[in-house]
Amino acid sequence: MARKSARLIGKLIGKNAHEINTMLEEIGFIKKDSDYVSKTGAKLWRITDLGKKHGDYSAHPYSNGFVWDDEVAEILKKVFKL
């Protein structure tokens, strides 16, 4: 089972990466944190303890995002009735 980015999870359920990240925030897997800010001062996502049960930070050198277990697509479909 390979972990997937928000973009790839979105392709499975007909959503884009931004929509997936918004849903992940709503269910408590990630949150915007003032301790993590971009060069422009925008808050960045941080994975929560709950989120760490289903994913982790991406190890890809060009990614600032997360990778998620395959089951996250099913969790989102169930919670958001997709």
PDB file of N, CA and C in Angstrom:
ATOM      1  N   MET A   1       0.853  -1.175   0.000  1.00  0.00           N
ATOM      2  CA  MET A   1       0.000   0.000   0.000  1.00  0.00           C
ATOM      3  C   MET A   1       0.901   1.242   0.000  1.00  0.00           C
ATOM      4  N   ALA A   2       0.880   1.967  -1.089  1.00  0.00           N
ATOM      5  CA  ALA A   2       1.669   3.197  -1.192  1.00  0.00           C
ATOM      6  C   ALA A   2       0.845   4.374  -0.681  1.00  0.00           C
ATOM      7  N   ARG A   3       1.509   5.278  -0.025  1.00  0.00           N
ATOM      8  CA  ARG A   3       0.820   6.484   0.443  1.00  0.00           C
ATOM      9  C   ARG A   3       0.635   7.454  -0.719  1.00  0.00           C
ATOM     10  N   LYS A   4      -0.404   8.275  -0.609  1.00  0.00           N
ATOM     11  CA  LYS A   4      -0.771   9.173  -1.695  1.00  0.00           C
ATOM     12  C   LYS A   4      -0.861  10.615  -1.212  1.00  0.00           C
ATOM     13  N   SER A   5      -0.562  11.535  -2.122  1.00  0.00           N
ATOM     14  CA  SER A   5      -0.702  12.963  -1.841  1.00  0.00           C
ATOM     15  C   SER A   5      -2.180  13.355  -1.870  1.00  0.00           C
ATOM     16  N   ALA A   6      -2.476  14.560  -1.428  1.00  0.00           N
ATOM     17  CA  ALA A   6      -3.848  15.066  -1.488  1.00  0.00           C
ATOM     18  C   ALA A   6      -4.340  15.100  -2.936  1.00  0.00           C
ATOM     19  N   ARG A   7      -3.465  15.411  -3.866  1.00  0.00           N
ATOM     20  CA  ARG A   7      -3.845  15.451  -5.277  1.00  0.00           C
ATOM     21  C   ARG A   7      -4.297  14.064  -5.745  1.00  0.00           C
ATOM     22  N   LEU A   8      -3.541  13.037  -5.382  1.00  0.00           N
ATOM     23  CA  LEU A   8      -3.896  11.680  -5.812  1.00  0.00           C
ATOM     24  C   LEU A   8      -5.128  11.155  -5.083  1.00  0.00           C
ATOM     25  N   ILE A   9      -5.274  11.486  -3.808  1.00  0.00           N
ATOM     26  CA  ILE A   9      -6.509  11.123  -3.081  1.00  0.00           C
ATOM     27  C   ILE A   9      -7.696  11.786  -3.775  1.00  0.00           C
ATOM     28  N   GLY A  10      -7.521  13.054  -4.149  1.00  0.00           N
ATOM     29  CA  GLY A  10      -8.584  13.784  -4.827  1.00  0.00           C
ATOM     30  C   GLY A  10      -8.998  13.148  -6.138  1.00  0.00           C
ATOM     31  N   LYS A  11      -8.027  12.642  -6.893  1.00  0.00           N
ATOM     32  CA  LYS A  11      -8.358  11.988  -8.159  1.00  0.00           C
ATOM     33  C   LYS A  11      -9.247  10.770  -7.929  1.00  0.00           C
ATOM     34  N   LEU A  12      -9.079  10.103  -6.796  1.00  0.00           N
ATOM     35  CA  LEU A  12      -9.885   8.919  -6.495  1.00  0.00           C
ATOM     36  C   LEU A  12     -11.333   9.260  -6.189  1.00  0.00           C
ATOM     37  N   ILE A  13     -11.560  10.462  -5.644  1.00  0.00           N
ATOM     38  CA  ILE A  13     -12.920  10.802  -5.219  1.00  0.00           C
ATOM     39  C   ILE A  13     -13.484  12.053  -5.900  1.00  0.00           C
ATOM     40  N   GLY A  14     -12.821  12.507  -6.960  1.00  0.00           N
ATOM     41  CA  GLY A  14     -13.362  13.613  -7.751  1.00  0.00           C
ATOM     42  C   GLY A  14     -13.207  14.984  -7.130  1.00  0.00           C
ATOM     43  N   LYS A  15     -12.132  15.202  -6.406  1.00  0.00           N
ATOM     44  CA  LYS A  15     -11.875  16.496  -5.770  1.00  0.00           C
ATOM     45  C   LYS A  15     -10.458  16.955  -6.118  1.00  0.00           C
ATOM     46  N   ASN A  16     -10.190  18.253  -5.956  1.00  0.00           N
ATOM     47  CA  ASN A  16      -8.822  18.727  -6.164  1.00  0.00           C
ATOM     48  C   ASN A  16      -8.070  18.732  -4.835  1.00  0.00           C
ATOM     49  N   ALA A  17      -6.777  18.978  -4.881  1.00  0.00           N
ATOM     50  CA  ALA A  17      -5.941  18.916  -3.672  1.00  0.00           C
ATOM     51  C   ALA A  17      -6.387  19.920  -2.618  1.00  0.00           C
ATOM     52  N   HIS A  18      -6.771  21.115  -3.037  1.00  0.00           N
ATOM     53  CA  HIS A  18      -7.223  22.121  -2.069  1.00  0.00           C
ATOM     54  C   HIS A  18      -8.475  21.641  -1.335  1.00  0.00           C
ATOM     55  N   GLU A  19      -9.403  21.060  -2.076  1.00  0.00           N
ATOM     56  CA  GLU A  19     -10.625  20.538  -1.454  1.00  0.00           C
ATOM     57  C   GLU A  19     -10.295  19.415  -0.479  1.00  0.00           C
ATOM     58  N   ILE A  20      -9.366  18.541  -0.857  1.00  0.00           N
ATOM     59  CA  ILE A  20      -8.973  17.441   0.030  1.00  0.00           C
ATOM     60  C   ILE A  20      -8.351  17.996   1.300  1.00  0.00           C
ATOM     61  N   ASN A  21      -7.440  18.956   1.171  1.00  0.00           N
ATOM     62  CA  ASN A  21      -6.815  19.532   2.363  1.00  0.00           C
ATOM     63  C   ASN A  21      -7.833  20.216   3.263  1.00  0.00           C
ATOM     64  N   THR A  22      -8.815  20.881   2.674  1.00  0.00           N
ATOM     65  CA  THR A  22      -9.880  21.502   3.467  1.00  0.00           C
ATOM     66  C   THR A  22     -10.667  20.434   4.224  1.00  0.00           C
ATOM     67  N   MET A  23     -10.980  19.329   3.560  1.00  0.00           N
ATOM     68  CA  MET A  23     -11.697  18.231   4.224  1.00  0.00           C
ATOM     69  C   MET A  23     -10.844  17.609   5.322  1.00  0.00           C
ATOM     70  N   LEU A  24      -9.544  17.441   5.048  1.00  0.00           N
ATOM     71  CA  LEU A  24      -8.645  16.881   6.064  1.00  0.00           C
ATOM     72  C   LEU A  24      -8.567  17.792   7.285  1.00  0.00           C
ATOM     73  N   GLU A  25      -8.632  19.089   7.055  1.00  0.00           N
ATOM     74  CA  GLU A  25      -8.646  20.024   8.188  1.00  0.00           C
ATOM     75  C   GLU A  25      -9.960  19.882   8.968  1.00  0.00           C
ATOM     76  N   GLU A  26     -11.067  19.770   8.263  1.00  0.00           N
ATOM     77  CA  GLU A  26     -12.374  19.656   8.915  1.00  0.00           C
ATOM     78  C   GLU A  26     -12.474  18.420   9.803  1.00  0.00           C
ATOM     79  N   ILE A  27     -11.807  17.330   9.418  1.00  0.00           N
ATOM     80  CA  ILE A  27     -11.878  16.119  10.246  1.00  0.00           C
ATOM     81  C   ILE A  27     -10.707  16.019  11.220  1.00  0.00           C
ATOM     82  N   GLY A  28      -9.874  17.049  11.261  1.00  0.00           N
ATOM     83  CA  GLY A  28      -8.830  17.117  12.280  1.00  0.00           C
ATOM     84  C   GLY A  28      -7.524  16.418  11.949  1.00  0.00           C
ATOM     85  N   PHE A  29      -7.288  16.087  10.661  1.00  0.00           N
ATOM     86  CA  PHE A  29      -6.034  15.424  10.292  1.00  0.00           C
ATOM     87  C   PHE A  29      -4.891  16.424  10.108  1.00  0.00           C
ATOM     88  N   ILE A  30      -5.217  17.643   9.673  1.00  0.00           N
ATOM     89  CA  ILE A  30      -4.223  18.706   9.526  1.00  0.00           C
ATOM     90  C   ILE A  30      -4.822  19.999  10.062  1.00  0.00           C
ATOM     91  N   LYS A  31      -3.957  20.961  10.362  1.00  0.00           N
ATOM     92  CA  LYS A  31      -4.454  22.271  10.762  1.00  0.00           C
ATOM     93  C   LYS A  31      -3.437  23.328  10.375  1.00  0.00           C
ATOM     94  N   LYS A  32      -3.931  24.542  10.163  1.00  0.00           N
ATOM     95  CA  LYS A  32      -3.031  25.658   9.873  1.00  0.00           C
ATOM     96  C   LYS A  32      -2.489  26.140  11.204  1.00  0.00           C
ATOM     97  N   ASP A  33      -1.200  26.394  11.239  1.00  0.00           N
ATOM     98  CA  ASP A  33      -0.529  26.682  12.499  1.00  0.00           C
ATOM     99  C   ASP A  33       0.334  27.926  12.359  1.00  0.00           C
ATOM    100  N   SER A  34       0.187  28.872  13.276  1.00  0.00           N
ATOM    101  CA  SER A  34       0.965  30.106  13.210  1.00  0.00           C
ATOM    102  C   SER A  34       2.448  29.867  13.483  1.00  0.00           C
ATOM    103  N   ASP A  35       2.808  28.698  14.007  1.00  0.00           N
ATOM    104  CA  ASP A  35       4.220  28.367  14.202  1.00  0.00           C
ATOM    105  C   ASP A  35       4.883  27.961  12.891  1.00  0.00           C
ATOM    106  N   TYR A  36       4.081  27.632  11.888  1.00  0.00           N
ATOM    107  CA  TYR A  36       4.588  27.230  10.579  1.00  0.00           C
ATOM    108  C   TYR A  36       4.104  28.242   9.556  1.00  0.00           C
ATOM    109  N   VAL A  37       4.983  29.125   9.111  1.00  0.00           N
ATOM    110  CA  VAL A  37       4.585  30.152   8.151  1.00  0.00           C
ATOM    111  C   VAL A  37       5.519  30.147   6.945  1.00  0.00           C
ATOM    112  N   SER A  38       4.959  30.553   5.808  1.00  0.00           N
ATOM    113  CA  SER A  38       5.752  30.646   4.583  1.00  0.00           C
ATOM    114  C   SER A  38       6.560  31.938   4.597  1.00  0.00           C
ATOM    115  N   LYS A  39       7.357  32.128   3.585  1.00  0.00           N
ATOM    116  CA  LYS A  39       8.143  33.360   3.472  1.00  0.00           C
ATOM    117  C   LYS A  39       7.250  34.586   3.350  1.00  0.00           C
ATOM    118  N   THR A  40       6.030  34.399   2.868  1.00  0.00           N
ATOM    119  CA  THR A  40       5.095  35.521   2.731  1.00  0.00           C
ATOM    120  C   THR A  40       4.272  35.741   3.997  1.00  0.00           C
ATOM    121  N   GLY A  41       4.460  34.882   4.990  1.00  0.00           N
ATOM    122  CA  GLY A  41       3.730  35.014   6.248  1.00  0.00           C
ATOM    123  C   GLY A  41       2.450  34.212   6.331  1.00  0.00           C
ATOM    124  N   ALA A  42       2.136  33.461   5.275  1.00  0.00           N
ATOM    125  CA  ALA A  42       0.920  32.636   5.286  1.00  0.00           C
ATOM    126  C   ALA A  42       1.120  31.431   6.208  1.00  0.00           C
ATOM    127  N   LYS A  43       0.075  31.093   6.950  1.00  0.00           N
ATOM    128  CA  LYS A  43       0.140  29.910   7.805  1.00  0.00           C
ATOM    129  C   LYS A  43       0.201  28.657   6.945  1.00  0.00           C
ATOM    130  N   LEU A  44       1.010  27.700   7.371  1.00  0.00           N
ATOM    131  CA  LEU A  44       1.144  26.437   6.659  1.00  0.00           C
ATOM    132  C   LEU A  44       0.458  25.320   7.437  1.00  0.00           C
ATOM    133  N   TRP A  45       0.141  24.243   6.731  1.00  0.00           N
ATOM    134  CA  TRP A  45      -0.489  23.089   7.357  1.00  0.00           C
ATOM    135  C   TRP A  45       0.504  22.365   8.255  1.00  0.00           C
ATOM    136  N   ARG A  46      -0.029  21.800   9.314  1.00  0.00           N
ATOM    137  CA  ARG A  46       0.729  20.912  10.195  1.00  0.00           C
ATOM    138  C   ARG A  46      -0.126  19.671  10.401  1.00  0.00           C
ATOM    139  N   ILE A  47       0.508  18.509  10.394  1.00  0.00           N
ATOM    140  CA  ILE A  47      -0.245  17.273  10.619  1.00  0.00           C
ATOM    141  C   ILE A  47      -0.513  17.135  12.122  1.00  0.00           C
ATOM    142  N   THR A  48      -1.711  16.711  12.470  1.00  0.00           N
ATOM    143  CA  THR A  48      -2.089  16.550  13.871  1.00  0.00           C
ATOM    144  C   THR A  48      -1.771  15.127  14.336  1.00  0.00           C
ATOM    145  N   ASP A  49      -1.906  14.896  15.630  1.00  0.00           N
ATOM    146  CA  ASP A  49      -1.705  13.540  16.155  1.00  0.00           C
ATOM    147  C   ASP A  49      -2.681  12.562  15.505  1.00  0.00           C
ATOM    148  N   LEU A  50      -3.933  12.994  15.318  1.00  0.00           N
ATOM    149  CA  LEU A  50      -4.918  12.144  14.645  1.00  0.00           C
ATOM    150  C   LEU A  50      -4.480  11.860  13.209  1.00  0.00           C
ATOM    151  N   GLY A  51      -4.008  12.883  12.518  1.00  0.00           N
ATOM    152  CA  GLY A  51      -3.547  12.712  11.148  1.00  0.00           C
ATOM    153  C   GLY A  51      -2.367  11.775  11.032  1.00  0.00           C
ATOM    154  N   LYS A  52      -1.500  11.765  12.044  1.00  0.00           N
ATOM    155  CA  LYS A  52      -0.319  10.896  12.012  1.00  0.00           C
ATOM    156  C   LYS A  52      -0.695   9.417  12.052  1.00  0.00           C
ATOM    157  N   LYS A  53      -1.927   9.115  12.454  1.00  0.00           N
ATOM    158  CA  LYS A  53      -2.385   7.723  12.437  1.00  0.00           C
ATOM    159  C   LYS A  53      -2.673   7.244  11.012  1.00  0.00           C
ATOM    160  N   HIS A  54      -2.804   8.205  10.076  1.00  0.00           N
ATOM    161  CA  HIS A  54      -3.188   7.867   8.703  1.00  0.00           C
ATOM    162  C   HIS A  54      -2.234   8.427   7.658  1.00  0.00           C
ATOM    163  N   GLY A  55      -1.215   9.172   8.076  1.00  0.00           N
ATOM    164  CA  GLY A  55      -0.300   9.766   7.111  1.00  0.00           C
ATOM    165  C   GLY A  55       0.923  10.348   7.781  1.00  0.00           C
ATOM    166  N   ASP A  56       1.712  11.049   6.983  1.00  0.00           N
ATOM    167  CA  ASP A  56       2.940  11.657   7.492  1.00  0.00           C
ATOM    168  C   ASP A  56       3.377  12.743   6.523  1.00  0.00           C
ATOM    169  N   TYR A  57       4.400  13.497   6.920  1.00  0.00           N
ATOM    170  CA  TYR A  57       4.970  14.487   6.027  1.00  0.00           C
ATOM    171  C   TYR A  57       5.612  13.773   4.843  1.00  0.00           C
ATOM    172  N   SER A  58       5.510  14.353   3.670  1.00  0.00           N
ATOM    173  CA  SER A  58       6.124  13.771   2.484  1.00  0.00           C
ATOM    174  C   SER A  58       7.640  13.868   2.573  1.00  0.00           C
ATOM    175  N   ALA A  59       8.316  12.812   2.180  1.00  0.00           N
ATOM    176  CA  ALA A  59       9.779  12.803   2.161  1.00  0.00           C
ATOM    177  C   ALA A  59      10.319  13.286   0.819  1.00  0.00           C
ATOM    178  N   HIS A  60       9.435  13.561  -0.124  1.00  0.00           N
ATOM    179  CA  HIS A  60       9.862  14.016  -1.446  1.00  0.00           C
ATOM    180  C   HIS A  60      10.518  15.390  -1.322  1.00  0.00           C
ATOM    181  N   PRO A  61      11.682  15.585  -1.923  1.00  0.00           N
ATOM    182  CA  PRO A  61      12.412  16.848  -1.747  1.00  0.00           C
ATOM    183  C   PRO A  61      11.706  18.085  -2.299  1.00  0.00           C
ATOM    184  N   TYR A  62      10.764  17.913  -3.215  1.00  0.00           N
ATOM    185  CA  TYR A  62      10.060  19.064  -3.785  1.00  0.00           C
ATOM    186  C   TYR A  62       8.663  19.263  -3.206  1.00  0.00           C
ATOM    187  N   SER A  63       8.358  18.552  -2.141  1.00  0.00           N
ATOM    188  CA  SER A  63       7.018  18.626  -1.551  1.00  0.00           C
ATOM    189  C   SER A  63       7.057  19.221  -0.155  1.00  0.00           C
ATOM    190  N   ASN A  64       6.094  20.079   0.122  1.00  0.00           N
ATOM    191  CA  ASN A  64       5.907  20.594   1.477  1.00  0.00           C
ATOM    192  C   ASN A  64       4.668  19.974   2.106  1.00  0.00           C
ATOM    193  N   GLY A  65       4.099  18.981   1.458  1.00  0.00           N
ATOM    194  CA  GLY A  65       2.829  18.425   1.895  1.00  0.00           C
ATOM    195  C   GLY A  65       2.948  17.131   2.653  1.00  0.00           C
ATOM    196  N   PHE A  66       1.888  16.358   2.548  1.00  0.00           N
ATOM    197  CA  PHE A  66       1.742  15.123   3.298  1.00  0.00           C
ATOM    198  C   PHE A  66       1.448  13.976   2.343  1.00  0.00           C
ATOM    199  N   VAL A  67       1.634  12.778   2.832  1.00  0.00           N
ATOM    200  CA  VAL A  67       1.206  11.580   2.115  1.00  0.00           C
ATOM    201  C   VAL A  67       0.289  10.796   3.047  1.00  0.00           C
ATOM    202  N   TRP A  68      -0.727  10.208   2.448  1.00  0.00           N
ATOM    203  CA  TRP A  68      -1.796   9.587   3.224  1.00  0.00           C
ATOM    204  C   TRP A  68      -1.982   8.129   2.833  1.00  0.00           C
ATOM    205  N   ASP A  69      -2.396   7.331   3.817  1.00  0.00           N
ATOM    206  CA  ASP A  69      -2.744   5.934   3.564  1.00  0.00           C
ATOM    207  C   ASP A  69      -3.943   5.876   2.615  1.00  0.00           C
ATOM    208  N   ASP A  70      -4.042   4.789   1.869  1.00  0.00           N
ATOM    209  CA  ASP A  70      -5.145   4.605   0.931  1.00  0.00           C
ATOM    210  C   ASP A  70      -6.508   4.753   1.605  1.00  0.00           C
ATOM    211  N   GLU A  71      -6.597   4.338   2.855  1.00  0.00           N
ATOM    212  CA  GLU A  71      -7.886   4.372   3.569  1.00  0.00           C
ATOM    213  C   GLU A  71      -8.432   5.786   3.756  1.00  0.00           C
ATOM    214  N   VAL A  72      -7.597   6.807   3.610  1.00  0.00           N
ATOM    215  CA  VAL A  72      -8.062   8.189   3.796  1.00  0.00           C
ATOM    216  C   VAL A  72      -9.129   8.539   2.764  1.00  0.00           C
ATOM    217  N   ALA A  73      -9.001   8.057   1.542  1.00  0.00           N
ATOM    218  CA  ALA A  73     -10.033   8.307   0.533  1.00  0.00           C
ATOM    219  C   ALA A  73     -11.372   7.748   1.003  1.00  0.00           C
ATOM    220  N   GLU A  74     -11.358   6.554   1.571  1.00  0.00           N
ATOM    221  CA  GLU A  74     -12.593   5.938   2.062  1.00  0.00           C
ATOM    222  C   GLU A  74     -13.148   6.686   3.275  1.00  0.00           C
ATOM    223  N   ILE A  75     -12.265   7.153   4.145  1.00  0.00           N
ATOM    224  CA  ILE A  75     -12.695   7.938   5.309  1.00  0.00           C
ATOM    225  C   ILE A  75     -13.395   9.206   4.848  1.00  0.00           C
ATOM    226  N   LEU A  76     -12.796   9.911   3.886  1.00  0.00           N
ATOM    227  CA  LEU A  76     -13.393  11.156   3.392  1.00  0.00           C
ATOM    228  C   LEU A  76     -14.724  10.890   2.705  1.00  0.00           C
ATOM    229  N   LYS A  77     -14.803   9.816   1.920  1.00  0.00           N
ATOM    230  CA  LYS A  77     -16.068   9.483   1.259  1.00  0.00           C
ATOM    231  C   LYS A  77     -17.161   9.206   2.285  1.00  0.00           C
ATOM    232  N   LYS A  78     -16.808   8.527   3.344  1.00  0.00           N
ATOM    233  CA  LYS A  78     -17.797   8.187   4.377  1.00  0.00           C
ATOM    234  C   LYS A  78     -18.233   9.431   5.146  1.00  0.00           C
ATOM    235  N   VAL A  79     -17.257  10.218   5.617  1.00  0.00           N
ATOM    236  CA  VAL A  79     -17.568  11.398   6.443  1.00  0.00           C
ATOM    237  C   VAL A  79     -18.360  12.433   5.648  1.00  0.00           C
ATOM    238  N   PHE A  80     -17.963  12.668   4.395  1.00  0.00           N
ATOM    239  CA  PHE A  80     -18.590  13.713   3.586  1.00  0.00           C
ATOM    240  C   PHE A  80     -19.643  13.173   2.635  1.00  0.00           C
ATOM    241  N   LYS A  81     -19.995  11.890   2.802  1.00  0.00           N
ATOM    242  CA  LYS A  81     -21.054  11.255   2.009  1.00  0.00           C
ATOM    243  C   LYS A  81     -20.867  11.481   0.514  1.00  0.00           C
ATOM    244  N   LEU A  82     -19.667  11.137   0.026  1.00  0.00           N
ATOM    245  CA  LEU A  82     -19.337  11.312  -1.394  1.00  0.00           C
ATOM    246  C   LEU A  82     -19.617  10.048  -2.190  1.00  0.00           C
TER     247      LEU A  82
END
